[in-house]
Amino acid sequence: MSDGNNRFEENPKSEETNKPQKNNNTEPKDRLLALHSYLTCEQNISVIERQNHIKRMQNLRKELNFIKETDWMYDQVE
């Protein structure tokens, strides 16, 4: 069915001319570099989130200690 009316028919020549000419050796390197960059960013985000969690836990412990130290000053609510 190559009567020219099928708009979904692929034309390999036009696809080849529309593709930018790249050296086949650099494309995998570019992909690898992009993947490495992405993984590095993900690792950095994970480290920052862990540090923020530790800081929150330390602040909560300080508040809890303050409450324990000062609870004698207040009457109990029953």
PDB file of N, CA and C in Angstrom:
ATOM      1  N   MET A   1       0.827  -1.185   0.000  1.00  0.00           N
ATOM      2  CA  MET A   1       0.000   0.000   0.000  1.00  0.00           C
ATOM      3  C   MET A   1       0.866   1.241   0.000  1.00  0.00           C
ATOM      4  N   SER A   2       1.610   1.433  -1.011  1.00  0.00           N
ATOM      5  CA  SER A   2       2.426   2.644  -1.079  1.00  0.00           C
ATOM      6  C   SER A   2       1.932   3.516  -2.219  1.00  0.00           C
ATOM      7  N   ASP A   3       0.659   3.882  -2.146  1.00  0.00           N
ATOM      8  CA  ASP A   3       0.096   4.747  -3.174  1.00  0.00           C
ATOM      9  C   ASP A   3       0.288   6.224  -2.852  1.00  0.00           C
ATOM     10  N   GLY A   4       0.921   6.525  -1.709  1.00  0.00           N
ATOM     11  CA  GLY A   4       1.203   7.914  -1.364  1.00  0.00           C
ATOM     12  C   GLY A   4       0.105   8.544  -0.532  1.00  0.00           C
ATOM     13  N   ASN A   5      -1.013   7.871  -0.317  1.00  0.00           N
ATOM     14  CA  ASN A   5      -2.109   8.432   0.461  1.00  0.00           C
ATOM     15  C   ASN A   5      -2.004   8.102   1.944  1.00  0.00           C
ATOM     16  N   ASN A   6      -1.157   7.198   2.312  1.00  0.00           N
ATOM     17  CA  ASN A   6      -1.010   6.808   3.699  1.00  0.00           C
ATOM     18  C   ASN A   6      -0.047   7.780   4.379  1.00  0.00           C
ATOM     19  N   ARG A   7      -0.582   8.625   5.250  1.00  0.00           N
ATOM     20  CA  ARG A   7       0.259   9.643   5.885  1.00  0.00           C
ATOM     21  C   ARG A   7       1.112   9.074   7.008  1.00  0.00           C
ATOM     22  N   PHE A   8       0.826   7.847   7.451  1.00  0.00           N
ATOM     23  CA  PHE A   8       1.607   7.226   8.507  1.00  0.00           C
ATOM     24  C   PHE A   8       2.764   6.411   7.964  1.00  0.00           C
ATOM     25  N   GLU A   9       2.881   6.366   6.683  1.00  0.00           N
ATOM     26  CA  GLU A   9       3.950   5.605   6.059  1.00  0.00           C
ATOM     27  C   GLU A   9       5.273   6.308   6.320  1.00  0.00           C
ATOM     28  N   GLU A  10       6.274   5.555   6.693  1.00  0.00           N
ATOM     29  CA  GLU A  10       7.568   6.134   7.017  1.00  0.00           C
ATOM     30  C   GLU A  10       8.419   6.269   5.764  1.00  0.00           C
ATOM     31  N   ASN A  11       9.144   7.342   5.713  1.00  0.00           N
ATOM     32  CA  ASN A  11      10.065   7.586   4.622  1.00  0.00           C
ATOM     33  C   ASN A  11      11.463   7.639   5.231  1.00  0.00           C
ATOM     34  N   PRO A  12      12.251   6.583   5.108  1.00  0.00           N
ATOM     35  CA  PRO A  12      13.559   6.558   5.759  1.00  0.00           C
ATOM     36  C   PRO A  12      14.502   7.641   5.262  1.00  0.00           C
ATOM     37  N   LYS A  13      14.380   8.061   4.036  1.00  0.00           N
ATOM     38  CA  LYS A  13      15.287   9.091   3.522  1.00  0.00           C
ATOM     39  C   LYS A  13      15.052  10.417   4.236  1.00  0.00           C
ATOM     40  N   SER A  14      13.789  10.804   4.432  1.00  0.00           N
ATOM     41  CA  SER A  14      13.521  12.087   5.078  1.00  0.00           C
ATOM     42  C   SER A  14      13.930  12.052   6.543  1.00  0.00           C
ATOM     43  N   GLU A  15      13.799  10.905   7.207  1.00  0.00           N
ATOM     44  CA  GLU A  15      14.225  10.803   8.604  1.00  0.00           C
ATOM     45  C   GLU A  15      15.736  10.954   8.720  1.00  0.00           C
ATOM     46  N   GLU A  16      16.455  10.372   7.801  1.00  0.00           N
ATOM     47  CA  GLU A  16      17.911  10.458   7.857  1.00  0.00           C
ATOM     48  C   GLU A  16      18.386  11.876   7.610  1.00  0.00           C
ATOM     49  N   THR A  17      17.728  12.617   6.759  1.00  0.00           N
ATOM     50  CA  THR A  17      18.166  13.978   6.471  1.00  0.00           C
ATOM     51  C   THR A  17      17.776  14.933   7.584  1.00  0.00           C
ATOM     52  N   ASN A  18      16.737  14.624   8.370  1.00  0.00           N
ATOM     53  CA  ASN A  18      16.318  15.497   9.462  1.00  0.00           C
ATOM     54  C   ASN A  18      17.141  15.292  10.726  1.00  0.00           C
ATOM     55  N   LYS A  19      17.810  14.173  10.844  1.00  0.00           N
ATOM     56  CA  LYS A  19      18.618  13.900  12.019  1.00  0.00           C
ATOM     57  C   LYS A  19      19.901  14.717  11.956  1.00  0.00           C
ATOM     58  N   PRO A  20      20.280  15.317  13.104  1.00  0.00           N
ATOM     59  CA  PRO A  20      21.570  16.009  13.102  1.00  0.00           C
ATOM     60  C   PRO A  20      22.693  14.982  13.006  1.00  0.00           C
ATOM     61  N   GLN A  21      23.703  15.339  12.293  1.00  0.00           N
ATOM     62  CA  GLN A  21      24.835  14.436  12.112  1.00  0.00           C
ATOM     63  C   GLN A  21      25.674  14.462  13.384  1.00  0.00           C
ATOM     64  N   LYS A  22      25.748  13.319  14.059  1.00  0.00           N
ATOM     65  CA  LYS A  22      26.550  13.195  15.274  1.00  0.00           C
ATOM     66  C   LYS A  22      27.537  12.066  15.095  1.00  0.00           C
ATOM     67  N   ASN A  23      28.620  12.227  15.763  1.00  0.00           N
ATOM     68  CA  ASN A  23      29.595  11.157  15.797  1.00  0.00           C
ATOM     69  C   ASN A  23      29.044  10.078  16.717  1.00  0.00           C
ATOM     70  N   ASN A  24      28.967   8.852  16.259  1.00  0.00           N
ATOM     71  CA  ASN A  24      28.386   7.778  17.047  1.00  0.00           C
ATOM     72  C   ASN A  24      29.177   7.501  18.326  1.00  0.00           C
ATOM     73  N   ASN A  25      30.420   7.898  18.378  1.00  0.00           N
ATOM     74  CA  ASN A  25      31.221   7.661  19.573  1.00  0.00           C
ATOM     75  C   ASN A  25      30.898   8.653  20.686  1.00  0.00           C
ATOM     76  N   THR A  26      30.424   9.848  20.365  1.00  0.00           N
ATOM     77  CA  THR A  26      30.161  10.848  21.396  1.00  0.00           C
ATOM     78  C   THR A  26      28.765  10.715  21.993  1.00  0.00           C
ATOM     79  N   GLU A  27      27.826  10.152  21.270  1.00  0.00           N
ATOM     80  CA  GLU A  27      26.462  10.056  21.791  1.00  0.00           C
ATOM     81  C   GLU A  27      26.400   9.207  23.060  1.00  0.00           C
ATOM     82  N   PRO A  28      26.997   8.031  23.125  1.00  0.00           N
ATOM     83  CA  PRO A  28      26.978   7.287  24.397  1.00  0.00           C
ATOM     84  C   PRO A  28      27.695   8.026  25.525  1.00  0.00           C
ATOM     85  N   LYS A  29      28.753   8.753  25.183  1.00  0.00           N
ATOM     86  CA  LYS A  29      29.462   9.520  26.202  1.00  0.00           C
ATOM     87  C   LYS A  29      28.558  10.617  26.751  1.00  0.00           C
ATOM     88  N   ASP A  30      27.787  11.277  25.873  1.00  0.00           N
ATOM     89  CA  ASP A  30      26.867  12.319  26.312  1.00  0.00           C
ATOM     90  C   ASP A  30      25.788  11.740  27.215  1.00  0.00           C
ATOM     91  N   ARG A  31      25.266  10.592  26.840  1.00  0.00           N
ATOM     92  CA  ARG A  31      24.234   9.948  27.670  1.00  0.00           C
ATOM     93  C   ARG A  31      24.807   9.529  29.018  1.00  0.00           C
ATOM     94  N   LEU A  32      26.013   9.011  29.008  1.00  0.00           N
ATOM     95  CA  LEU A  32      26.657   8.595  30.245  1.00  0.00           C
ATOM     96  C   LEU A  32      26.917   9.794  31.142  1.00  0.00           C
ATOM     97  N   LEU A  33      27.347  10.889  30.555  1.00  0.00           N
ATOM     98  CA  LEU A  33      27.591  12.105  31.318  1.00  0.00           C
ATOM     99  C   LEU A  33      26.293  12.631  31.922  1.00  0.00           C
ATOM    100  N   ALA A  34      25.214  12.604  31.152  1.00  0.00           N
ATOM    101  CA  ALA A  34      23.919  13.062  31.656  1.00  0.00           C
ATOM    102  C   ALA A  34      23.439  12.161  32.789  1.00  0.00           C
ATOM    103  N   LEU A  35      23.600  10.863  32.657  1.00  0.00           N
ATOM    104  CA  LEU A  35      23.202   9.923  33.696  1.00  0.00           C
ATOM    105  C   LEU A  35      24.042  10.135  34.956  1.00  0.00           C
ATOM    106  N   HIS A  36      25.325  10.316  34.787  1.00  0.00           N
ATOM    107  CA  HIS A  36      26.204  10.552  35.928  1.00  0.00           C
ATOM    108  C   HIS A  36      25.809  11.834  36.655  1.00  0.00           C
ATOM    109  N   SER A  37      25.510  12.873  35.897  1.00  0.00           N
ATOM    110  CA  SER A  37      25.086  14.136  36.490  1.00  0.00           C
ATOM    111  C   SER A  37      23.784  13.967  37.257  1.00  0.00           C
ATOM    112  N   TYR A  38      22.844  13.244  36.679  1.00  0.00           N
ATOM    113  CA  TYR A  38      21.558  13.003  37.337  1.00  0.00           C
ATOM    114  C   TYR A  38      21.749  12.236  38.643  1.00  0.00           C
ATOM    115  N   LEU A  39      22.564  11.179  38.612  1.00  0.00           N
ATOM    116  CA  LEU A  39      22.786  10.381  39.815  1.00  0.00           C
ATOM    117  C   LEU A  39      23.501  11.187  40.890  1.00  0.00           C
ATOM    118  N   THR A  40      24.433  12.028  40.493  1.00  0.00           N
ATOM    119  CA  THR A  40      25.132  12.876  41.453  1.00  0.00           C
ATOM    120  C   THR A  40      24.155  13.825  42.139  1.00  0.00           C
ATOM    121  N   CYS A  41      23.264  14.413  41.365  1.00  0.00           N
ATOM    122  CA  CYS A  41      22.254  15.317  41.934  1.00  0.00           C
ATOM    123  C   CYS A  41      21.346  14.564  42.901  1.00  0.00           C
ATOM    124  N   GLU A  42      20.915  13.380  42.517  1.00  0.00           N
ATOM    125  CA  GLU A  42      20.042  12.580  43.384  1.00  0.00           C
ATOM    126  C   GLU A  42      20.751  12.233  44.696  1.00  0.00           C
ATOM    127  N   GLN A  43      22.024  11.901  44.624  1.00  0.00           N
ATOM    128  CA  GLN A  43      22.780  11.578  45.835  1.00  0.00           C
ATOM    129  C   GLN A  43      22.914  12.808  46.727  1.00  0.00           C
ATOM    130  N   ASN A  44      23.165  13.966  46.120  1.00  0.00           N
ATOM    131  CA  ASN A  44      23.291  15.195  46.899  1.00  0.00           C
ATOM    132  C   ASN A  44      21.971  15.543  47.577  1.00  0.00           C
ATOM    133  N   ILE A  45      20.877  15.368  46.878  1.00  0.00           N
ATOM    134  CA  ILE A  45      19.570  15.636  47.468  1.00  0.00           C
ATOM    135  C   ILE A  45      19.320  14.700  48.639  1.00  0.00           C
ATOM    136  N   SER A  46      19.684  13.444  48.481  1.00  0.00           N
ATOM    137  CA  SER A  46      19.506  12.464  49.552  1.00  0.00           C
ATOM    138  C   SER A  46      20.328  12.852  50.786  1.00  0.00           C
ATOM    139  N   VAL A  47      21.551  13.299  50.592  1.00  0.00           N
ATOM    140  CA  VAL A  47      22.410  13.707  51.705  1.00  0.00           C
ATOM    141  C   VAL A  47      21.807  14.921  52.411  1.00  0.00           C
ATOM    142  N   ILE A  48      21.334  15.890  51.653  1.00  0.00           N
ATOM    143  CA  ILE A  48      20.735  17.093  52.239  1.00  0.00           C
ATOM    144  C   ILE A  48      19.483  16.749  53.028  1.00  0.00           C
ATOM    145  N   GLU A  49      18.639  15.870  52.485  1.00  0.00           N
ATOM    146  CA  GLU A  49      17.430  15.462  53.201  1.00  0.00           C
ATOM    147  C   GLU A  49      17.786  14.749  54.504  1.00  0.00           C
ATOM    148  N   ARG A  50      18.794  13.913  54.475  1.00  0.00           N
ATOM    149  CA  ARG A  50      19.228  13.205  55.685  1.00  0.00           C
ATOM    150  C   ARG A  50      19.741  14.203  56.725  1.00  0.00           C
ATOM    151  N   GLN A  51      20.524  15.188  56.292  1.00  0.00           N
ATOM    152  CA  GLN A  51      21.041  16.199  57.215  1.00  0.00           C
ATOM    153  C   GLN A  51      19.901  17.013  57.827  1.00  0.00           C
ATOM    154  N   ASN A  52      18.919  17.379  57.013  1.00  0.00           N
ATOM    155  CA  ASN A  52      17.780  18.134  57.522  1.00  0.00           C
ATOM    156  C   ASN A  52      16.986  17.305  58.532  1.00  0.00           C
ATOM    157  N   HIS A  53      16.847  16.025  58.284  1.00  0.00           N
ATOM    158  CA  HIS A  53      16.147  15.148  59.221  1.00  0.00           C
ATOM    159  C   HIS A  53      16.881  15.096  60.562  1.00  0.00           C
ATOM    160  N   ILE A  54      18.193  14.970  60.509  1.00  0.00           N
ATOM    161  CA  ILE A  54      18.988  14.921  61.738  1.00  0.00           C
ATOM    162  C   ILE A  54      18.837  16.229  62.520  1.00  0.00           C
ATOM    163  N   LYS A  55      18.857  17.366  61.822  1.00  0.00           N
ATOM    164  CA  LYS A  55      18.691  18.661  62.492  1.00  0.00           C
ATOM    165  C   LYS A  55      17.320  18.766  63.152  1.00  0.00           C
ATOM    166  N   ARG A  56      16.275  18.298  62.452  1.00  0.00           N
ATOM    167  CA  ARG A  56      14.930  18.333  63.040  1.00  0.00           C
ATOM    168  C   ARG A  56      14.862  17.471  64.295  1.00  0.00           C
ATOM    169  N   MET A  57      15.473  16.290  64.247  1.00  0.00           N
ATOM    170  CA  MET A  57      15.474  15.404  65.410  1.00  0.00           C
ATOM    171  C   MET A  57      16.230  16.038  66.582  1.00  0.00           C
ATOM    172  N   GLN A  58      17.337  16.690  66.318  1.00  0.00           N
ATOM    173  CA  GLN A  58      18.089  17.350  67.380  1.00  0.00           C
ATOM    174  C   GLN A  58      17.270  18.470  68.011  1.00  0.00           C
ATOM    175  N   ASN A  59      16.574  19.248  67.170  1.00  0.00           N
ATOM    176  CA  ASN A  59      15.735  20.325  67.704  1.00  0.00           C
ATOM    177  C   ASN A  59      14.589  19.779  68.540  1.00  0.00           C
ATOM    178  N   LEU A  60      13.989  18.683  68.095  1.00  0.00           N
ATOM    179  CA  LEU A  60      12.916  18.073  68.876  1.00  0.00           C
ATOM    180  C   LEU A  60      13.435  17.539  70.213  1.00  0.00           C
ATOM    181  N   ARG A  61      14.631  16.980  70.220  1.00  0.00           N
ATOM    182  CA  ARG A  61      15.215  16.493  71.483  1.00  0.00           C
ATOM    183  C   ARG A  61      15.473  17.654  72.444  1.00  0.00           C
ATOM    184  N   LYS A  62      15.945  18.783  71.907  1.00  0.00           N
ATOM    185  CA  LYS A  62      16.179  19.958  72.754  1.00  0.00           C
ATOM    186  C   LYS A  62      14.864  20.438  73.365  1.00  0.00           C
ATOM    187  N   GLU A  63      13.809  20.482  72.567  1.00  0.00           N
ATOM    188  CA  GLU A  63      12.509  20.900  73.081  1.00  0.00           C
ATOM    189  C   GLU A  63      11.994  19.937  74.136  1.00  0.00           C
ATOM    190  N   LEU A  64      12.150  18.655  73.893  1.00  0.00           N
ATOM    191  CA  LEU A  64      11.706  17.657  74.860  1.00  0.00           C
ATOM    192  C   LEU A  64      12.479  17.789  76.172  1.00  0.00           C
ATOM    193  N   ASN A  65      13.774  17.992  76.078  1.00  0.00           N
ATOM    194  CA  ASN A  65      14.576  18.175  77.291  1.00  0.00           C
ATOM    195  C   ASN A  65      14.145  19.428  78.050  1.00  0.00           C
ATOM    196  N   PHE A  66      13.842  20.492  77.337  1.00  0.00           N
ATOM    197  CA  PHE A  66      13.387  21.717  77.987  1.00  0.00           C
ATOM    198  C   PHE A  66      12.063  21.469  78.711  1.00  0.00           C
ATOM    199  N   ILE A  67      11.163  20.753  78.068  1.00  0.00           N
ATOM    200  CA  ILE A  67       9.875  20.445  78.690  1.00  0.00           C
ATOM    201  C   ILE A  67      10.081  19.587  79.934  1.00  0.00           C
ATOM    202  N   LYS A  68      10.950  18.592  79.850  1.00  0.00           N
ATOM    203  CA  LYS A  68      11.215  17.730  81.010  1.00  0.00           C
ATOM    204  C   LYS A  68      11.823  18.526  82.164  1.00  0.00           C
ATOM    205  N   GLU A  69      12.684  19.473  81.845  1.00  0.00           N
ATOM    206  CA  GLU A  69      13.343  20.262  82.885  1.00  0.00           C
ATOM    207  C   GLU A  69      12.404  21.274  83.528  1.00  0.00           C
ATOM    208  N   THR A  70      11.424  21.732  82.799  1.00  0.00           N
ATOM    209  CA  THR A  70      10.555  22.794  83.321  1.00  0.00           C
ATOM    210  C   THR A  70       9.155  22.310  83.693  1.00  0.00           C
ATOM    211  N   ASP A  71       8.861  21.047  83.580  1.00  0.00           N
ATOM    212  CA  ASP A  71       7.488  20.595  83.850  1.00  0.00           C
ATOM    213  C   ASP A  71       7.122  20.700  85.325  1.00  0.00           C
ATOM    214  N   TRP A  72       8.085  20.751  86.233  1.00  0.00           N
ATOM    215  CA  TRP A  72       7.804  20.884  87.659  1.00  0.00           C
ATOM    216  C   TRP A  72       7.185  22.244  87.978  1.00  0.00           C
ATOM    217  N   MET A  73       7.400  23.224  87.081  1.00  0.00           N
ATOM    218  CA  MET A  73       6.912  24.575  87.344  1.00  0.00           C
ATOM    219  C   MET A  73       5.406  24.706  87.075  1.00  0.00           C
ATOM    220  N   TYR A  74       4.816  23.744  86.459  1.00  0.00           N
ATOM    221  CA  TYR A  74       3.414  23.857  86.045  1.00  0.00           C
ATOM    222  C   TYR A  74       2.562  22.801  86.734  1.00  0.00           C
ATOM    223  N   ASP A  75       1.346  23.168  87.027  1.00  0.00           N
ATOM    224  CA  ASP A  75       0.403  22.218  87.611  1.00  0.00           C
ATOM    225  C   ASP A  75      -0.087  21.261  86.542  1.00  0.00           C
ATOM    226  N   GLN A  76      -0.375  20.041  86.975  1.00  0.00           N
ATOM    227  CA  GLN A  76      -0.894  19.046  86.042  1.00  0.00           C
ATOM    228  C   GLN A  76      -2.363  19.336  85.740  1.00  0.00           C
ATOM    229  N   VAL A  77      -2.739  19.116  84.519  1.00  0.00           N
ATOM    230  CA  VAL A  77      -4.129  19.274  84.109  1.00  0.00           C
ATOM    231  C   VAL A  77      -4.783  17.916  84.211  1.00  0.00           C
ATOM    232  N   GLU A  78      -5.918  17.878  84.962  1.00  0.00           N
ATOM    233  CA  GLU A  78      -6.611  16.589  85.101  1.00  0.00           C
ATOM    234  C   GLU A  78      -7.978  16.640  84.516  1.00  0.00           C
TER     235      GLU A  78
END
